[in-house]
Amino acid sequence: MKNLFVTLAGYNAWANFLLFEHLSGLSAEDFAAPRPVNFGSLAGIANHVLLADRAWLSRFTGSGGSPTAIDTIPYPGFADLLAARRAEDARIVAFAKELDPARLKGILHYHTMDGRPMALPMAAMVAHFFNHQTHHRGQMHAILSECGVRPRDIDLVFYQRQLSEMKEAEG
């Protein structure tokens, strides 16, 4: 299971890199424009995912600090958001590589944003962590299409193909 999460962490960083390349081509107005989606805009969704990632990593590792809300926009400017996203993706990759396989069989004890105590299977919560990111990347991908941008395919299979091609090229 750890190997799967290491793969998903690499995929997450790759997909975010490609998605943010496309987002960088939008005007500040398009990036912040109100849309009929969760978190109200591309900026809102991108900030939400970043904050949720921080919350989950804090729950998983006990470090890094946890936001008090995941529906705010601490990074309204694209450049600052991009830098924060890249740093968080590096933390995610490091977390996955350092995961103790025995811990994945255990229970994660944490508190929700509203303070309720939870005890849920660690492996399922790590899977949720990656699934949540994919869900919101799909939303952003669709909005980019509505903005006239043809984003690259960012499905896991395309990441796997790229890795395979790189290995073949290395010989």
N, C-alpha and C. Protein backbone atom coordinates (compact mmCIF):
# COMPACT_ATOMS: atom_id res chain seq x y z
N MET A 1 0.82 -1.19 0.00
CA MET A 1 0.00 0.00 0.00
C MET A 1 0.87 1.26 0.00
N LYS A 2 2.00 1.22 0.72
CA LYS A 2 2.87 2.39 0.75
C LYS A 2 3.31 2.76 -0.66
N ASN A 3 3.67 1.77 -1.47
CA ASN A 3 4.11 2.06 -2.84
C ASN A 3 3.03 2.78 -3.63
N LEU A 4 1.78 2.40 -3.42
CA LEU A 4 0.68 3.10 -4.09
C LEU A 4 0.64 4.56 -3.67
N PHE A 5 0.79 4.83 -2.38
CA PHE A 5 0.73 6.21 -1.91
C PHE A 5 1.94 7.02 -2.39
N VAL A 6 3.10 6.39 -2.52
CA VAL A 6 4.26 7.08 -3.09
C VAL A 6 3.97 7.44 -4.54
N THR A 7 3.37 6.51 -5.28
CA THR A 7 2.98 6.78 -6.67
C THR A 7 1.98 7.92 -6.73
N LEU A 8 0.97 7.89 -5.86
CA LEU A 8 -0.05 8.94 -5.87
C LEU A 8 0.53 10.29 -5.48
N ALA A 9 1.52 10.31 -4.61
CA ALA A 9 2.16 11.58 -4.26
C ALA A 9 2.91 12.16 -5.46
N GLY A 10 3.63 11.31 -6.18
CA GLY A 10 4.30 11.77 -7.39
C GLY A 10 3.32 12.23 -8.44
N TYR A 11 2.25 11.47 -8.61
CA TYR A 11 1.19 11.84 -9.55
C TYR A 11 0.57 13.18 -9.17
N ASN A 12 0.30 13.36 -7.89
CA ASN A 12 -0.29 14.61 -7.41
C ASN A 12 0.59 15.80 -7.79
N ALA A 13 1.89 15.70 -7.55
CA ALA A 13 2.81 16.79 -7.87
C ALA A 13 2.84 17.04 -9.38
N TRP A 14 2.88 15.98 -10.16
CA TRP A 14 2.90 16.08 -11.62
C TRP A 14 1.63 16.74 -12.14
N ALA A 15 0.48 16.27 -11.68
CA ALA A 15 -0.80 16.81 -12.14
C ALA A 15 -0.95 18.27 -11.73
N ASN A 16 -0.54 18.60 -10.52
CA ASN A 16 -0.61 20.00 -10.09
C ASN A 16 0.31 20.87 -10.93
N PHE A 17 1.51 20.37 -11.24
CA PHE A 17 2.44 21.13 -12.07
C PHE A 17 1.79 21.46 -13.41
N LEU A 18 1.21 20.46 -14.06
CA LEU A 18 0.58 20.70 -15.36
C LEU A 18 -0.63 21.61 -15.25
N LEU A 19 -1.47 21.37 -14.26
CA LEU A 19 -2.67 22.19 -14.09
C LEU A 19 -2.29 23.64 -13.82
N PHE A 20 -1.32 23.86 -12.96
CA PHE A 20 -0.93 25.23 -12.65
C PHE A 20 -0.24 25.91 -13.83
N GLU A 21 0.39 25.16 -14.72
CA GLU A 21 0.91 25.76 -15.96
C GLU A 21 -0.24 26.37 -16.75
N HIS A 22 -1.35 25.66 -16.83
CA HIS A 22 -2.52 26.18 -17.55
C HIS A 22 -3.16 27.34 -16.80
N LEU A 23 -3.26 27.23 -15.49
CA LEU A 23 -3.84 28.32 -14.70
C LEU A 23 -3.02 29.59 -14.84
N SER A 24 -1.71 29.46 -15.00
CA SER A 24 -0.83 30.63 -15.10
C SER A 24 -1.12 31.46 -16.34
N GLY A 25 -1.76 30.86 -17.33
CA GLY A 25 -2.09 31.59 -18.55
C GLY A 25 -3.36 32.42 -18.46
N LEU A 26 -4.10 32.26 -17.37
CA LEU A 26 -5.33 33.02 -17.19
C LEU A 26 -5.03 34.41 -16.65
N SER A 27 -5.92 35.33 -16.94
CA SER A 27 -5.82 36.65 -16.33
C SER A 27 -6.18 36.53 -14.85
N ALA A 28 -5.76 37.51 -14.06
CA ALA A 28 -6.12 37.53 -12.64
C ALA A 28 -7.63 37.56 -12.48
N GLU A 29 -8.30 38.23 -13.40
CA GLU A 29 -9.77 38.31 -13.34
C GLU A 29 -10.41 36.95 -13.57
N ASP A 30 -9.93 36.22 -14.58
CA ASP A 30 -10.49 34.88 -14.84
C ASP A 30 -10.19 33.92 -13.69
N PHE A 31 -9.00 34.04 -13.10
CA PHE A 31 -8.63 33.16 -12.01
C PHE A 31 -9.53 33.37 -10.79
N ALA A 32 -9.92 34.62 -10.56
CA ALA A 32 -10.74 34.95 -9.38
C ALA A 32 -12.23 35.07 -9.69
N ALA A 33 -12.61 34.92 -10.97
CA ALA A 33 -14.01 35.14 -11.36
C ALA A 33 -14.95 34.19 -10.64
N PRO A 34 -16.09 34.72 -10.16
CA PRO A 34 -17.08 33.87 -9.51
C PRO A 34 -17.60 32.80 -10.47
N ARG A 35 -17.73 31.60 -9.94
CA ARG A 35 -18.23 30.47 -10.73
C ARG A 35 -19.18 29.66 -9.86
N PRO A 36 -20.13 28.98 -10.51
CA PRO A 36 -21.10 28.18 -9.73
C PRO A 36 -20.53 26.82 -9.30
N VAL A 37 -19.47 26.87 -8.50
CA VAL A 37 -18.79 25.66 -8.03
C VAL A 37 -18.49 25.81 -6.54
N ASN A 38 -18.14 24.69 -5.92
CA ASN A 38 -17.68 24.75 -4.53
C ASN A 38 -16.51 25.72 -4.44
N PHE A 39 -16.50 26.55 -3.45
CA PHE A 39 -15.44 27.50 -3.15
C PHE A 39 -15.38 28.65 -4.14
N GLY A 40 -16.37 28.75 -5.05
CA GLY A 40 -16.68 29.96 -5.78
C GLY A 40 -15.83 30.43 -6.94
N SER A 41 -14.63 29.90 -7.11
CA SER A 41 -13.76 30.36 -8.19
C SER A 41 -12.59 29.39 -8.31
N LEU A 42 -11.81 29.56 -9.37
CA LEU A 42 -10.59 28.77 -9.48
C LEU A 42 -9.65 29.08 -8.31
N ALA A 43 -9.53 30.35 -7.96
CA ALA A 43 -8.69 30.74 -6.82
C ALA A 43 -9.21 30.10 -5.54
N GLY A 44 -10.52 30.08 -5.37
CA GLY A 44 -11.11 29.48 -4.18
C GLY A 44 -10.85 27.98 -4.09
N ILE A 45 -11.02 27.29 -5.22
CA ILE A 45 -10.78 25.85 -5.23
C ILE A 45 -9.31 25.54 -4.96
N ALA A 46 -8.41 26.25 -5.66
CA ALA A 46 -6.98 25.98 -5.52
C ALA A 46 -6.51 26.24 -4.08
N ASN A 47 -7.00 27.30 -3.47
CA ASN A 47 -6.66 27.58 -2.07
C ASN A 47 -7.26 26.54 -1.14
N HIS A 48 -8.49 26.11 -1.41
CA HIS A 48 -9.12 25.09 -0.58
C HIS A 48 -8.30 23.80 -0.58
N VAL A 49 -7.89 23.35 -1.75
CA VAL A 49 -7.12 22.11 -1.83
C VAL A 49 -5.81 22.25 -1.05
N LEU A 50 -5.14 23.38 -1.21
CA LEU A 50 -3.90 23.62 -0.48
C LEU A 50 -4.14 23.56 1.03
N LEU A 51 -5.18 24.23 1.50
CA LEU A 51 -5.48 24.24 2.93
C LEU A 51 -5.88 22.86 3.43
N ALA A 52 -6.67 22.14 2.65
CA ALA A 52 -7.06 20.79 3.04
C ALA A 52 -5.83 19.88 3.10
N ASP A 53 -4.93 20.03 2.14
CA ASP A 53 -3.69 19.24 2.17
C ASP A 53 -2.91 19.53 3.45
N ARG A 54 -2.82 20.79 3.82
CA ARG A 54 -2.10 21.15 5.05
C ARG A 54 -2.77 20.55 6.28
N ALA A 55 -4.10 20.60 6.30
CA ALA A 55 -4.84 20.03 7.44
C ALA A 55 -4.57 18.53 7.56
N TRP A 56 -4.67 17.81 6.43
CA TRP A 56 -4.46 16.37 6.48
C TRP A 56 -3.01 16.03 6.81
N LEU A 57 -2.05 16.75 6.22
CA LEU A 57 -0.65 16.45 6.55
C LEU A 57 -0.37 16.70 8.03
N SER A 58 -0.98 17.73 8.58
CA SER A 58 -0.83 17.98 10.01
C SER A 58 -1.41 16.83 10.82
N ARG A 59 -2.55 16.32 10.40
CA ARG A 59 -3.16 15.18 11.09
C ARG A 59 -2.29 13.93 10.98
N PHE A 60 -1.73 13.73 9.80
CA PHE A 60 -0.91 12.53 9.57
C PHE A 60 0.42 12.60 10.31
N THR A 61 1.03 13.79 10.32
CA THR A 61 2.41 13.90 10.81
C THR A 61 2.54 14.58 12.17
N GLY A 62 1.52 15.33 12.57
CA GLY A 62 1.61 16.09 13.80
C GLY A 62 2.47 17.32 13.69
N SER A 63 2.84 17.70 12.45
CA SER A 63 3.68 18.88 12.26
C SER A 63 3.18 19.69 11.07
N GLY A 64 3.74 20.88 10.93
CA GLY A 64 3.41 21.72 9.79
C GLY A 64 2.29 22.70 10.04
N GLY A 65 1.62 22.59 11.14
CA GLY A 65 0.52 23.52 11.42
C GLY A 65 -0.70 23.19 10.60
N SER A 66 -1.85 23.39 11.20
CA SER A 66 -3.11 23.09 10.52
C SER A 66 -3.93 24.36 10.41
N PRO A 67 -4.52 24.61 9.25
CA PRO A 67 -5.38 25.79 9.13
C PRO A 67 -6.62 25.65 10.01
N THR A 68 -7.19 26.77 10.37
CA THR A 68 -8.42 26.74 11.18
C THR A 68 -9.66 26.69 10.30
N ALA A 69 -9.48 26.92 9.01
CA ALA A 69 -10.58 26.85 8.05
C ALA A 69 -10.01 26.44 6.70
N ILE A 70 -10.85 25.83 5.87
CA ILE A 70 -10.39 25.40 4.54
C ILE A 70 -11.22 26.04 3.44
N ASP A 71 -11.91 27.13 3.79
CA ASP A 71 -12.74 27.83 2.80
C ASP A 71 -12.34 29.30 2.67
N THR A 72 -11.08 29.60 2.97
CA THR A 72 -10.57 30.96 2.84
C THR A 72 -9.60 31.03 1.67
N ILE A 73 -9.17 32.23 1.35
CA ILE A 73 -8.23 32.42 0.24
C ILE A 73 -7.00 33.15 0.78
N PRO A 74 -6.09 32.42 1.42
CA PRO A 74 -4.89 33.08 1.94
C PRO A 74 -3.91 33.51 0.84
N TYR A 75 -4.06 32.94 -0.35
CA TYR A 75 -3.18 33.27 -1.47
C TYR A 75 -4.02 33.76 -2.65
N PRO A 76 -4.48 35.02 -2.63
CA PRO A 76 -5.28 35.51 -3.75
C PRO A 76 -4.44 35.70 -5.02
N GLY A 77 -3.14 35.97 -4.86
CA GLY A 77 -2.26 36.15 -6.00
C GLY A 77 -1.72 34.82 -6.49
N PHE A 78 -1.67 34.66 -7.80
CA PHE A 78 -1.28 33.37 -8.38
C PHE A 78 0.16 32.99 -8.03
N ALA A 79 1.09 33.93 -8.09
CA ALA A 79 2.50 33.59 -7.85
C ALA A 79 2.71 33.03 -6.45
N ASP A 80 2.11 33.66 -5.45
CA ASP A 80 2.25 33.17 -4.08
C ASP A 80 1.58 31.81 -3.91
N LEU A 81 0.42 31.64 -4.53
CA LEU A 81 -0.27 30.35 -4.46
C LEU A 81 0.57 29.26 -5.11
N LEU A 82 1.15 29.56 -6.26
CA LEU A 82 1.99 28.58 -6.96
C LEU A 82 3.17 28.15 -6.08
N ALA A 83 3.83 29.11 -5.47
CA ALA A 83 4.97 28.77 -4.60
C ALA A 83 4.51 27.90 -3.42
N ALA A 84 3.38 28.24 -2.83
CA ALA A 84 2.86 27.45 -1.71
C ALA A 84 2.46 26.05 -2.16
N ARG A 85 1.86 25.96 -3.35
CA ARG A 85 1.44 24.65 -3.88
C ARG A 85 2.66 23.77 -4.11
N ARG A 86 3.71 24.31 -4.73
CA ARG A 86 4.91 23.52 -5.01
C ARG A 86 5.55 23.04 -3.71
N ALA A 87 5.59 23.92 -2.71
CA ALA A 87 6.17 23.52 -1.42
C ALA A 87 5.34 22.42 -0.76
N GLU A 88 4.02 22.54 -0.85
CA GLU A 88 3.15 21.53 -0.24
C GLU A 88 3.28 20.20 -0.97
N ASP A 89 3.40 20.25 -2.29
CA ASP A 89 3.57 19.01 -3.05
C ASP A 89 4.87 18.30 -2.66
N ALA A 90 5.92 19.07 -2.41
CA ALA A 90 7.18 18.47 -1.95
C ALA A 90 6.99 17.82 -0.58
N ARG A 91 6.23 18.46 0.30
CA ARG A 91 5.94 17.87 1.62
C ARG A 91 5.16 16.57 1.47
N ILE A 92 4.22 16.56 0.53
CA ILE A 92 3.39 15.37 0.32
C ILE A 92 4.25 14.20 -0.17
N VAL A 93 5.14 14.46 -1.11
CA VAL A 93 6.04 13.41 -1.61
C VAL A 93 6.91 12.89 -0.46
N ALA A 94 7.46 13.78 0.34
CA ALA A 94 8.30 13.36 1.47
C ALA A 94 7.48 12.54 2.46
N PHE A 95 6.26 12.97 2.75
CA PHE A 95 5.39 12.23 3.67
C PHE A 95 5.17 10.81 3.16
N ALA A 96 4.83 10.68 1.89
CA ALA A 96 4.54 9.35 1.34
C ALA A 96 5.76 8.44 1.40
N LYS A 97 6.92 8.99 1.08
CA LYS A 97 8.15 8.19 1.11
C LYS A 97 8.51 7.74 2.52
N GLU A 98 8.14 8.54 3.51
CA GLU A 98 8.48 8.23 4.90
C GLU A 98 7.39 7.43 5.62
N LEU A 99 6.28 7.15 4.95
CA LEU A 99 5.18 6.43 5.60
C LEU A 99 5.62 5.07 6.11
N ASP A 100 5.25 4.77 7.31
CA ASP A 100 5.52 3.47 7.91
C ASP A 100 4.39 2.53 7.51
N PRO A 101 4.67 1.46 6.76
CA PRO A 101 3.61 0.54 6.34
C PRO A 101 2.77 0.02 7.50
N ALA A 102 3.38 -0.18 8.66
CA ALA A 102 2.61 -0.66 9.82
C ALA A 102 1.59 0.38 10.26
N ARG A 103 1.95 1.65 10.13
CA ARG A 103 1.02 2.72 10.52
C ARG A 103 -0.22 2.74 9.63
N LEU A 104 -0.05 2.36 8.38
CA LEU A 104 -1.19 2.33 7.46
C LEU A 104 -2.25 1.32 7.89
N LYS A 105 -1.86 0.36 8.70
CA LYS A 105 -2.82 -0.65 9.19
C LYS A 105 -3.54 -0.18 10.45
N GLY A 106 -3.14 0.98 10.96
CA GLY A 106 -3.69 1.46 12.22
C GLY A 106 -4.82 2.46 12.04
N ILE A 107 -5.12 3.12 13.13
CA ILE A 107 -6.21 4.10 13.19
C ILE A 107 -5.61 5.50 13.31
N LEU A 108 -6.17 6.44 12.57
CA LEU A 108 -5.79 7.84 12.68
C LEU A 108 -6.75 8.53 13.64
N HIS A 109 -6.22 9.08 14.70
CA HIS A 109 -7.01 9.85 15.66
C HIS A 109 -6.76 11.33 15.36
N TYR A 110 -7.82 12.08 15.12
CA TYR A 110 -7.68 13.50 14.81
C TYR A 110 -8.96 14.22 15.20
N HIS A 111 -8.94 15.54 15.05
CA HIS A 111 -10.12 16.36 15.30
C HIS A 111 -10.52 17.05 14.00
N THR A 112 -11.82 17.11 13.77
CA THR A 112 -12.34 17.82 12.60
C THR A 112 -12.13 19.32 12.79
N MET A 113 -12.40 20.08 11.74
CA MET A 113 -12.27 21.53 11.82
C MET A 113 -13.15 22.13 12.91
N ASP A 114 -14.28 21.48 13.19
CA ASP A 114 -15.16 22.00 14.24
C ASP A 114 -14.90 21.34 15.60
N GLY A 115 -13.77 20.62 15.70
CA GLY A 115 -13.33 20.11 16.99
C GLY A 115 -13.81 18.72 17.40
N ARG A 116 -14.55 18.05 16.53
CA ARG A 116 -15.03 16.71 16.88
C ARG A 116 -13.90 15.69 16.77
N PRO A 117 -13.76 14.83 17.77
CA PRO A 117 -12.73 13.79 17.69
C PRO A 117 -13.15 12.69 16.71
N MET A 118 -12.18 12.20 15.97
CA MET A 118 -12.41 11.13 15.00
C MET A 118 -11.36 10.05 15.18
N ALA A 119 -11.73 8.84 14.83
CA ALA A 119 -10.81 7.70 14.80
C ALA A 119 -11.19 6.86 13.59
N LEU A 120 -10.40 6.97 12.53
CA LEU A 120 -10.71 6.30 11.27
C LEU A 120 -9.47 5.58 10.75
N PRO A 121 -9.66 4.59 9.87
CA PRO A 121 -8.51 3.83 9.35
C PRO A 121 -7.51 4.75 8.62
N MET A 122 -6.26 4.66 9.03
CA MET A 122 -5.21 5.50 8.45
C MET A 122 -5.13 5.34 6.93
N ALA A 123 -5.10 4.11 6.44
CA ALA A 123 -4.97 3.90 5.00
C ALA A 123 -6.13 4.53 4.24
N ALA A 124 -7.33 4.42 4.77
CA ALA A 124 -8.49 5.02 4.12
C ALA A 124 -8.39 6.54 4.11
N MET A 125 -7.85 7.12 5.16
CA MET A 125 -7.73 8.58 5.22
C MET A 125 -6.64 9.08 4.26
N VAL A 126 -5.56 8.33 4.12
CA VAL A 126 -4.54 8.71 3.14
C VAL A 126 -5.13 8.59 1.74
N ALA A 127 -5.90 7.55 1.49
CA ALA A 127 -6.57 7.41 0.19
C ALA A 127 -7.53 8.58 -0.05
N HIS A 128 -8.28 8.95 0.98
CA HIS A 128 -9.19 10.10 0.86
C HIS A 128 -8.40 11.37 0.52
N PHE A 129 -7.29 11.56 1.16
CA PHE A 129 -6.41 12.71 0.94
C PHE A 129 -6.10 12.87 -0.56
N PHE A 130 -5.68 11.78 -1.20
CA PHE A 130 -5.36 11.85 -2.62
C PHE A 130 -6.61 11.94 -3.48
N ASN A 131 -7.67 11.28 -3.10
CA ASN A 131 -8.92 11.34 -3.85
C ASN A 131 -9.50 12.76 -3.84
N HIS A 132 -9.41 13.43 -2.72
CA HIS A 132 -9.91 14.80 -2.59
C HIS A 132 -9.21 15.72 -3.57
N GLN A 133 -7.90 15.58 -3.68
CA GLN A 133 -7.13 16.40 -4.61
C GLN A 133 -7.60 16.16 -6.05
N THR A 134 -7.77 14.90 -6.40
CA THR A 134 -8.19 14.55 -7.75
C THR A 134 -9.55 15.13 -8.08
N HIS A 135 -10.46 15.06 -7.13
CA HIS A 135 -11.81 15.61 -7.31
C HIS A 135 -11.74 17.09 -7.69
N HIS A 136 -10.99 17.86 -6.93
CA HIS A 136 -10.96 19.30 -7.18
C HIS A 136 -10.11 19.65 -8.41
N ARG A 137 -9.09 18.86 -8.72
CA ARG A 137 -8.37 19.11 -9.97
C ARG A 137 -9.31 18.92 -11.15
N GLY A 138 -10.20 17.94 -11.06
CA GLY A 138 -11.18 17.74 -12.13
C GLY A 138 -12.08 18.95 -12.30
N GLN A 139 -12.49 19.57 -11.19
CA GLN A 139 -13.30 20.79 -11.28
C GLN A 139 -12.52 21.89 -11.99
N MET A 140 -11.27 22.08 -11.58
CA MET A 140 -10.47 23.15 -12.19
C MET A 140 -10.21 22.88 -13.66
N HIS A 141 -10.00 21.62 -13.99
CA HIS A 141 -9.78 21.22 -15.38
C HIS A 141 -10.99 21.60 -16.23
N ALA A 142 -12.19 21.33 -15.72
CA ALA A 142 -13.42 21.65 -16.45
C ALA A 142 -13.58 23.16 -16.60
N ILE A 143 -13.28 23.92 -15.56
CA ILE A 143 -13.41 25.37 -15.63
C ILE A 143 -12.41 25.93 -16.64
N LEU A 144 -11.21 25.40 -16.67
CA LEU A 144 -10.24 25.85 -17.68
C LEU A 144 -10.81 25.65 -19.08
N SER A 145 -11.44 24.50 -19.32
CA SER A 145 -12.05 24.25 -20.62
C SER A 145 -13.11 25.29 -20.93
N GLU A 146 -13.91 25.65 -19.92
CA GLU A 146 -14.93 26.69 -20.11
C GLU A 146 -14.31 28.04 -20.43
N CYS A 147 -13.08 28.26 -19.98
CA CYS A 147 -12.37 29.52 -20.24
C CYS A 147 -11.67 29.50 -21.61
N GLY A 148 -11.84 28.43 -22.36
CA GLY A 148 -11.23 28.34 -23.67
C GLY A 148 -9.83 27.77 -23.67
N VAL A 149 -9.38 27.26 -22.54
CA VAL A 149 -8.06 26.64 -22.43
C VAL A 149 -8.24 25.14 -22.61
N ARG A 150 -7.41 24.53 -23.43
CA ARG A 150 -7.46 23.07 -23.60
C ARG A 150 -6.37 22.46 -22.74
N PRO A 151 -6.71 22.14 -21.48
CA PRO A 151 -5.68 21.58 -20.61
C PRO A 151 -5.27 20.18 -21.02
N ARG A 152 -4.05 19.86 -20.70
CA ARG A 152 -3.52 18.52 -20.95
C ARG A 152 -4.25 17.51 -20.09
N ASP A 153 -4.34 16.28 -20.56
CA ASP A 153 -4.94 15.21 -19.76
C ASP A 153 -4.05 14.96 -18.55
N ILE A 154 -4.70 14.88 -17.39
CA ILE A 154 -3.93 14.69 -16.15
C ILE A 154 -4.38 13.45 -15.38
N ASP A 155 -4.93 12.49 -16.08
CA ASP A 155 -5.30 11.23 -15.42
C ASP A 155 -4.04 10.47 -15.00
N LEU A 156 -4.19 9.65 -13.99
CA LEU A 156 -3.09 8.85 -13.47
C LEU A 156 -2.42 8.02 -14.57
N VAL A 157 -3.20 7.50 -15.49
CA VAL A 157 -2.63 6.66 -16.55
C VAL A 157 -1.61 7.45 -17.39
N PHE A 158 -1.84 8.74 -17.60
CA PHE A 158 -0.90 9.54 -18.39
C PHE A 158 0.39 9.78 -17.62
N TYR A 159 0.30 9.91 -16.32
CA TYR A 159 1.49 10.01 -15.47
C TYR A 159 2.28 8.71 -15.55
N GLN A 160 1.58 7.58 -15.44
CA GLN A 160 2.25 6.28 -15.50
C GLN A 160 2.92 6.08 -16.86
N ARG A 161 2.24 6.49 -17.93
CA ARG A 161 2.84 6.36 -19.27
C ARG A 161 4.11 7.20 -19.37
N GLN A 162 4.06 8.42 -18.84
CA GLN A 162 5.24 9.28 -18.90
C GLN A 162 6.40 8.66 -18.13
N LEU A 163 6.12 8.11 -16.95
CA LEU A 163 7.18 7.44 -16.19
C LEU A 163 7.76 6.27 -16.97
N SER A 164 6.89 5.49 -17.60
CA SER A 164 7.34 4.34 -18.38
C SER A 164 8.22 4.78 -19.55
N GLU A 165 7.81 5.84 -20.23
CA GLU A 165 8.60 6.36 -21.35
C GLU A 165 9.96 6.86 -20.89
N MET A 166 9.99 7.49 -19.72
CA MET A 166 11.26 7.98 -19.18
C MET A 166 12.19 6.82 -18.85
N LYS A 167 11.65 5.75 -18.29
CA LYS A 167 12.46 4.57 -17.95
C LYS A 167 13.00 3.92 -19.22
N GLU A 168 12.15 3.84 -20.26
CA GLU A 168 12.60 3.26 -21.53
C GLU A 168 13.71 4.09 -22.14
N ALA A 169 13.59 5.41 -22.06
CA ALA A 169 14.59 6.30 -22.63
C ALA A 169 15.93 6.19 -21.90
N GLU A 170 15.86 5.89 -20.60
CA GLU A 170 17.08 5.73 -19.81
C GLU A 170 17.78 4.42 -20.14
N GLY A 171 17.01 3.50 -20.74
CA GLY A 171 17.57 2.24 -21.18
C GLY A 171 17.71 1.22 -20.16
